[in-house]
Protein backbone atom coordinates (compact mmCIF):
# COMPACT_ATOMS: atom_id res chain seq x y z
CA MET A 1 -12.17 21.16 -16.42
CA PRO A 2 -9.09 21.86 -14.40
CA GLY A 3 -9.38 25.01 -12.50
CA PRO A 4 -7.48 28.39 -13.04
CA ARG A 5 -4.52 27.04 -11.63
CA GLN A 6 -4.76 23.42 -12.42
CA ARG A 7 -3.38 21.37 -15.12
CA SER A 8 -3.39 18.01 -16.57
CA VAL A 9 -0.40 16.09 -14.95
CA ASP A 10 0.24 12.44 -15.77
CA GLY A 11 2.38 10.00 -13.94
CA VAL A 12 3.39 8.12 -10.63
CA LEU A 13 5.21 10.44 -7.88
CA LEU A 14 7.21 8.12 -5.31
CA LEU A 15 6.98 10.02 -2.04
CA ASP A 16 8.89 9.38 1.30
CA LYS A 17 5.89 10.45 3.79
CA PRO A 18 6.94 11.93 6.70
CA ALA A 19 5.50 11.18 10.34
CA GLY A 20 2.74 12.91 11.24
CA PRO A 21 0.51 14.00 8.47
CA SER A 22 -2.14 11.79 6.91
CA SER A 23 -1.58 10.18 3.56
CA SER A 24 -4.65 12.34 2.33
CA ALA A 25 -2.89 15.65 3.64
CA VAL A 26 0.10 14.81 1.88
CA LEU A 27 -1.38 13.93 -1.23
CA GLN A 28 -3.23 17.52 -1.25
CA ALA A 29 -0.06 19.23 -0.34
CA VAL A 30 1.80 17.59 -3.51
CA LYS A 31 -1.46 18.26 -5.78
CA ARG A 32 -1.01 21.88 -4.96
CA LEU A 33 2.68 21.92 -5.88
CA LEU A 34 2.11 20.32 -8.97
CA GLU A 35 -1.22 22.11 -9.70
CA ALA A 36 -2.64 18.90 -10.77
CA ASN A 37 -6.32 18.60 -11.42
CA LYS A 38 -6.54 14.84 -10.82
CA ALA A 39 -4.62 12.87 -8.30
CA GLY A 40 -4.79 9.88 -5.80
CA HIS A 41 -2.56 7.47 -4.02
CA ALA A 42 -2.13 3.86 -4.03
CA GLY A 43 -2.27 2.76 -0.35
CA THR A 44 -3.12 4.69 2.88
CA LEU A 45 -0.21 4.93 5.43
CA ASP A 46 -1.30 5.79 8.95
CA PRO A 47 -0.46 9.28 10.30
CA MET A 48 2.55 7.77 12.36
CA ALA A 49 4.08 5.55 9.53
CA THR A 50 6.81 6.87 7.11
CA GLY A 51 8.08 5.54 3.84
CA LEU A 52 6.85 5.05 0.37
CA LEU A 53 3.55 6.54 -0.70
CA PRO A 54 2.91 6.39 -4.44
CA LEU A 55 0.98 9.42 -5.48
CA LEU A 56 -0.98 9.14 -8.84
CA PHE A 57 -1.85 11.91 -11.07
CA GLY A 58 -3.91 12.20 -14.27
CA GLU A 59 -4.07 9.10 -16.38
CA ALA A 60 -2.21 7.06 -13.31
CA THR A 61 -5.03 7.14 -11.36
CA LYS A 62 -6.98 4.69 -13.43
CA PHE A 63 -4.80 2.09 -12.07
CA ALA A 64 -4.81 2.66 -8.27
CA ARG A 65 -6.62 -0.29 -7.56
CA TYR A 66 -3.79 -2.36 -9.04
CA GLY A 67 -1.26 -0.68 -6.60
CA LEU A 68 -3.73 -1.25 -3.85
CA ASP A 69 -3.48 -5.14 -4.89
CA ALA A 70 0.19 -5.14 -4.92
CA ALA A 71 2.18 -6.47 -2.40
CA LYS A 72 3.69 -4.29 0.18
CA GLU A 73 6.95 -4.34 2.38
CA TYR A 74 7.56 -2.96 5.73
CA VAL A 75 10.17 -2.53 8.42
CA ALA A 76 8.48 -2.87 11.39
CA ASP A 77 9.60 -2.00 15.11
CA VAL A 78 7.46 -3.93 17.75
CA ARG A 79 7.73 -3.18 21.59
CA LEU A 80 6.95 -6.35 23.62
CA GLY A 81 5.59 -6.23 27.06
CA THR A 82 3.08 -3.27 26.65
CA SER A 83 -0.14 -3.02 24.85
CA THR A 84 -2.08 0.19 23.80
CA ASP A 85 -5.62 0.68 22.82
CA THR A 86 -4.86 1.59 19.51
CA GLY A 87 -2.29 -1.10 18.92
CA ASP A 88 0.62 1.33 18.42
CA ALA A 89 2.61 4.04 20.31
CA GLN A 90 0.22 6.66 19.75
CA GLY A 91 -2.31 5.04 21.93
CA GLU A 92 -2.76 4.93 25.75
CA VAL A 93 -1.22 2.18 27.47
CA THR A 94 -3.77 -0.68 28.50
CA GLY A 95 -1.52 -3.44 29.87
CA ARG A 96 2.07 -4.65 30.68
CA LYS A 97 3.37 -8.02 31.04
CA PRO A 98 6.92 -9.56 31.67
CA VAL A 99 9.09 -10.50 28.53
CA ALA A 100 10.70 -13.70 28.74
CA VAL A 101 11.27 -14.55 25.11
CA SER A 102 14.35 -16.67 24.10
CA ALA A 103 15.84 -16.71 20.45
CA ASP A 104 14.28 -20.01 19.81
CA LEU A 105 10.91 -19.00 20.81
CA LEU A 106 11.00 -15.97 18.91
CA GLU A 107 11.83 -17.59 15.85
CA ALA A 108 9.14 -20.35 16.37
CA ALA A 109 6.50 -17.71 16.82
CA LEU A 110 7.42 -15.86 13.73
CA ALA A 111 7.29 -18.88 11.68
CA ARG A 112 3.72 -19.16 12.82
CA PHE A 113 2.89 -15.93 11.13
CA ARG A 114 4.57 -16.71 7.94
CA GLY A 115 2.05 -17.91 5.12
CA GLU A 116 -1.75 -17.59 4.85
CA LEU A 117 -3.28 -16.31 7.93
CA ALA A 118 -6.71 -15.56 9.05
CA GLN A 119 -6.39 -11.95 10.68
CA VAL A 120 -8.98 -9.94 12.67
CA PRO A 121 -9.00 -6.50 11.65
CA PRO A 122 -8.07 -4.03 14.71
CA MET A 123 -10.96 -1.87 16.02
CA TYR A 124 -8.83 1.27 15.07
CA SER A 125 -9.04 0.80 11.38
CA ALA A 126 -10.80 2.52 8.56
CA LEU A 127 -13.30 -0.54 7.99
CA LYS A 128 -17.10 0.61 8.50
CA ARG A 129 -19.79 -0.81 10.28
CA ALA A 130 -23.39 0.35 9.34
CA GLY A 131 -21.42 3.17 7.55
CA GLN A 132 -19.25 4.29 10.46
CA PRO A 133 -15.66 3.73 10.56
CA LEU A 134 -14.59 1.18 13.45
CA TYR A 135 -12.00 3.63 14.77
CA ALA A 136 -14.84 6.15 15.29
CA LEU A 137 -16.66 3.41 17.48
CA ALA A 138 -13.50 2.46 19.17
CA ARG A 139 -13.07 6.03 20.04
CA ALA A 140 -16.53 5.95 21.74
CA GLY A 141 -15.51 3.14 23.93
CA LYS A 142 -17.09 0.56 21.58
CA THR A 143 -16.16 -2.77 20.47
CA VAL A 144 -18.01 -4.68 17.79
CA GLU A 145 -17.30 -8.20 16.31
CA ARG A 146 -14.92 -8.24 13.10
CA ALA A 147 -15.02 -11.11 10.72
CA PRO A 148 -11.31 -12.43 10.37
CA ARG A 149 -9.91 -11.92 6.75
CA ARG A 150 -7.57 -14.01 4.82
CA ILE A 151 -4.10 -12.48 4.61
CA VAL A 152 -0.77 -13.79 3.15
CA VAL A 153 2.59 -13.02 4.97
CA HIS A 154 5.03 -13.70 2.09
CA GLU A 155 8.27 -12.88 4.18
CA LEU A 156 8.75 -12.17 7.73
CA GLU A 157 12.21 -11.38 9.05
CA LEU A 158 13.82 -10.37 12.27
CA LEU A 159 16.49 -7.61 11.32
CA ALA A 160 17.33 -7.03 14.87
CA ARG A 161 16.74 -7.15 18.59
CA ASP A 162 17.39 -5.14 21.54
CA GLY A 163 15.74 -6.17 24.50
CA GLU A 164 12.10 -5.77 24.20
CA LEU A 165 12.52 -4.12 20.92
CA LEU A 166 12.06 -6.30 17.78
CA ARG A 167 12.82 -4.72 14.31
CA LEU A 168 11.09 -6.94 11.75
CA ARG A 169 10.87 -6.70 7.71
CA ILE A 170 7.56 -7.91 6.81
CA ARG A 171 6.23 -8.63 2.77
CA CYS A 172 2.46 -9.01 2.84
CA SER A 173 -0.70 -8.95 0.75
CA LYS A 174 -3.04 -6.03 0.78
CA GLY A 175 -5.44 -5.78 3.74
CA THR A 176 -2.75 -6.54 6.29
CA TYR A 177 -2.69 -4.56 9.41
CA ILE A 178 0.79 -4.76 10.98
CA ARG A 179 -0.61 -3.26 13.98
CA GLN A 180 -2.53 -6.49 14.73
CA LEU A 181 0.15 -8.61 13.27
CA ALA A 182 2.36 -6.83 16.42
CA GLU A 183 -0.23 -7.54 18.88
CA ASP A 184 -0.92 -11.05 17.60
CA LEU A 185 3.05 -11.76 17.68
CA GLY A 186 3.07 -10.44 21.33
CA LEU A 187 0.24 -12.60 22.58
CA ALA A 188 2.10 -15.75 20.44
CA LEU A 189 5.13 -14.77 22.91
CA GLY A 190 3.23 -15.08 25.99
CA THR A 191 3.51 -11.19 26.49
CA LEU A 192 1.74 -8.03 25.14
CA ALA A 193 3.18 -5.98 22.40
CA HIS A 194 2.20 -2.94 20.51
CA LEU A 195 3.83 -1.36 17.15
CA GLN A 196 6.24 1.45 17.77
CA ALA A 197 7.17 2.29 14.61
CA LEU A 198 6.18 1.74 11.01
CA ARG A 199 8.16 2.37 7.56
CA ARG A 200 7.01 1.07 4.26
CA THR A 201 9.92 0.29 2.11
CA ALA A 202 8.34 -1.15 -1.22
CA VAL A 203 4.81 -1.43 -2.96
CA GLY A 204 5.00 -4.27 -5.85
CA SER A 205 8.20 -3.38 -7.41
CA LEU A 206 8.52 0.23 -6.69
CA ARG A 207 11.14 1.12 -3.48
CA VAL A 208 11.34 3.72 -1.14
CA ASP A 209 15.06 4.33 -2.35
CA GLU A 210 13.52 5.96 -5.48
CA ALA A 211 11.31 8.29 -3.45
CA ILE A 212 11.63 11.98 -2.58
CA ALA A 213 10.85 13.46 0.73
CA LEU A 214 8.04 16.04 1.07
CA GLU A 215 10.26 18.96 2.06
CA ASP A 216 12.82 18.10 -0.78
CA LEU A 217 9.99 18.45 -3.44
CA GLN A 218 8.73 21.54 -1.94
CA ALA A 219 12.25 23.05 -2.18
CA LEU A 220 12.30 22.50 -5.91
CA GLY A 221 11.29 24.41 -8.73
CA ASP A 222 7.94 23.64 -11.09
CA SER A 223 10.18 21.96 -13.69
CA SER A 224 12.37 19.87 -11.37
CA ARG A 225 9.39 18.72 -9.41
CA LEU A 226 7.77 17.43 -12.67
CA ARG A 227 11.03 15.35 -13.46
CA TRP A 228 10.16 13.24 -10.24
CA LEU A 229 6.94 11.91 -12.52
CA LEU A 230 7.34 8.41 -13.77
CA PRO A 231 5.19 7.14 -16.39
CA PRO A 232 1.97 5.35 -15.39
CA ASP A 233 2.85 1.86 -15.99
CA ARG A 234 5.48 2.00 -13.36
CA LEU A 235 2.63 1.47 -10.73
CA ILE A 236 1.86 -1.83 -12.62
CA GLU A 237 4.99 -3.68 -13.15
CA HIS A 238 4.16 -6.28 -11.03
CA LEU A 239 1.43 -7.14 -13.61
CA PRO A 240 2.42 -9.78 -16.47
CA ARG A 241 2.85 -7.65 -19.84
CA VAL A 242 0.86 -8.58 -23.13
CA ASP A 243 1.63 -6.86 -26.38
CA LEU A 244 -0.96 -6.76 -28.95
CA ASP A 245 -0.65 -6.41 -32.91
CA GLU A 246 -2.16 -3.46 -34.61
CA ALA A 247 -5.34 -5.14 -35.40
CA LEU A 248 -5.83 -6.64 -31.75
CA ALA A 249 -4.94 -2.97 -30.49
CA ALA A 250 -7.27 -1.47 -32.32
CA ARG A 251 -10.34 -3.89 -31.28
CA PHE A 252 -9.10 -3.60 -27.69
CA LEU A 253 -9.22 0.20 -27.67
CA GLN A 254 -12.68 -0.05 -28.87
CA GLY A 255 -13.76 -1.91 -25.81
CA GLN A 256 -13.84 -5.29 -27.40
CA ALA A 257 -12.18 -8.40 -25.81
CA VAL A 258 -9.12 -9.89 -27.89
CA ARG A 259 -7.53 -13.32 -28.13
CA PRO A 260 -3.61 -12.90 -28.29
CA GLN A 261 -1.43 -15.97 -28.59
CA ALA A 262 -0.09 -15.64 -25.04
CA ALA A 263 -2.88 -14.01 -22.30
CA PRO A 264 -2.61 -14.63 -18.59
CA GLN A 265 -5.61 -15.00 -16.57
CA GLY A 266 -6.37 -11.82 -14.43
CA PRO A 267 -5.08 -8.32 -14.72
CA SER A 268 -2.04 -7.88 -17.13
CA ARG A 269 -0.61 -4.46 -18.57
CA VAL A 270 -1.56 -4.38 -22.41
CA TYR A 271 0.85 -2.51 -24.96
CA ARG A 272 1.29 -1.66 -28.72
CA ALA A 273 4.47 -1.10 -30.04
CA GLY A 274 5.82 -0.19 -26.59
CA ILE A 275 3.00 2.14 -25.83
CA LEU A 276 0.83 1.58 -22.78
CA LEU A 277 -2.86 0.75 -23.91
CA GLY A 278 -4.17 0.12 -20.46
CA VAL A 279 -4.75 -2.85 -18.27
CA GLY A 280 -6.76 -5.87 -19.44
CA GLU A 281 -8.61 -9.07 -17.40
CA GLY A 282 -7.76 -11.99 -18.96
CA GLY A 283 -10.54 -14.64 -18.73
CA PRO A 284 -12.76 -17.33 -20.56
CA ALA A 285 -13.95 -14.77 -22.81
CA GLY A 286 -10.40 -13.57 -23.86
CA LEU A 287 -8.58 -10.44 -22.72
CA ARG A 288 -10.86 -7.48 -22.03
CA PRO A 289 -10.13 -3.99 -21.50
CA ALA A 290 -10.44 -3.11 -17.92
CA ARG A 291 -8.82 0.63 -17.71
CA LEU A 292 -7.77 2.15 -20.89
CA ILE A 293 -5.33 5.30 -21.24
CA ALA A 294 -6.94 8.13 -22.73
CA ARG A 295 -5.47 8.87 -26.19
CA ALA A 296 -4.60 12.22 -27.30
């Protein structure tokens, strides 16, 4: 049951996260502002990172996984010539190397990082080994072997270059570590590199242009804050849409698999008469309910 100062709030709030606080700290701050009883987010940003952080409330939290699975877009500043122990600007410098990178060499290196890649996760990550996060082991001076993971870099574009500083636009799959991408790019260029700054500009079809800054949200009154909530299905717009008739919708809401005329394989957002029912998973047995919206 909600607490004395909590209420049922449903929807997606697009926040432009500031640098400094963790994603969890920002979520808890907004949860208190909205007096919401249930909250989550769709994809962690490191404390130093800024940009789009979709915050989920109430029924929208059921779709967090699909936000996590969506492609992400970033603008990353990569500093060539210097490495750090964390792979970003918050770490201690661990090495320096001259930079002699021509425009042709840079473009050839960028081309190598487009498409499907095998990326070894950095030690400074939240992945766990024997129940302990890798970053905790790294802070203790330990290094363990990490298996490479499949990622996809859909787009990698050079936006600007100022000497040793590169500004890149990156659209990539879930699980991509931009810090590691920066380090690997430096090595491919015959030098070292680290991530100097990172801003997330999109999650699926959601854009940071639609987001509100935390300090601006804090300055609003209660009713104005609530107007920033988007419908829960905004988080899953990147999924294909399936519309059911009344009979199929009734069976779907009872937890049964259904066979509409056109049902894609994998996840899809499911509607009846324009109303979101939930997310279905298409497979050999038909379209089965995966996450359903609670009906009043």
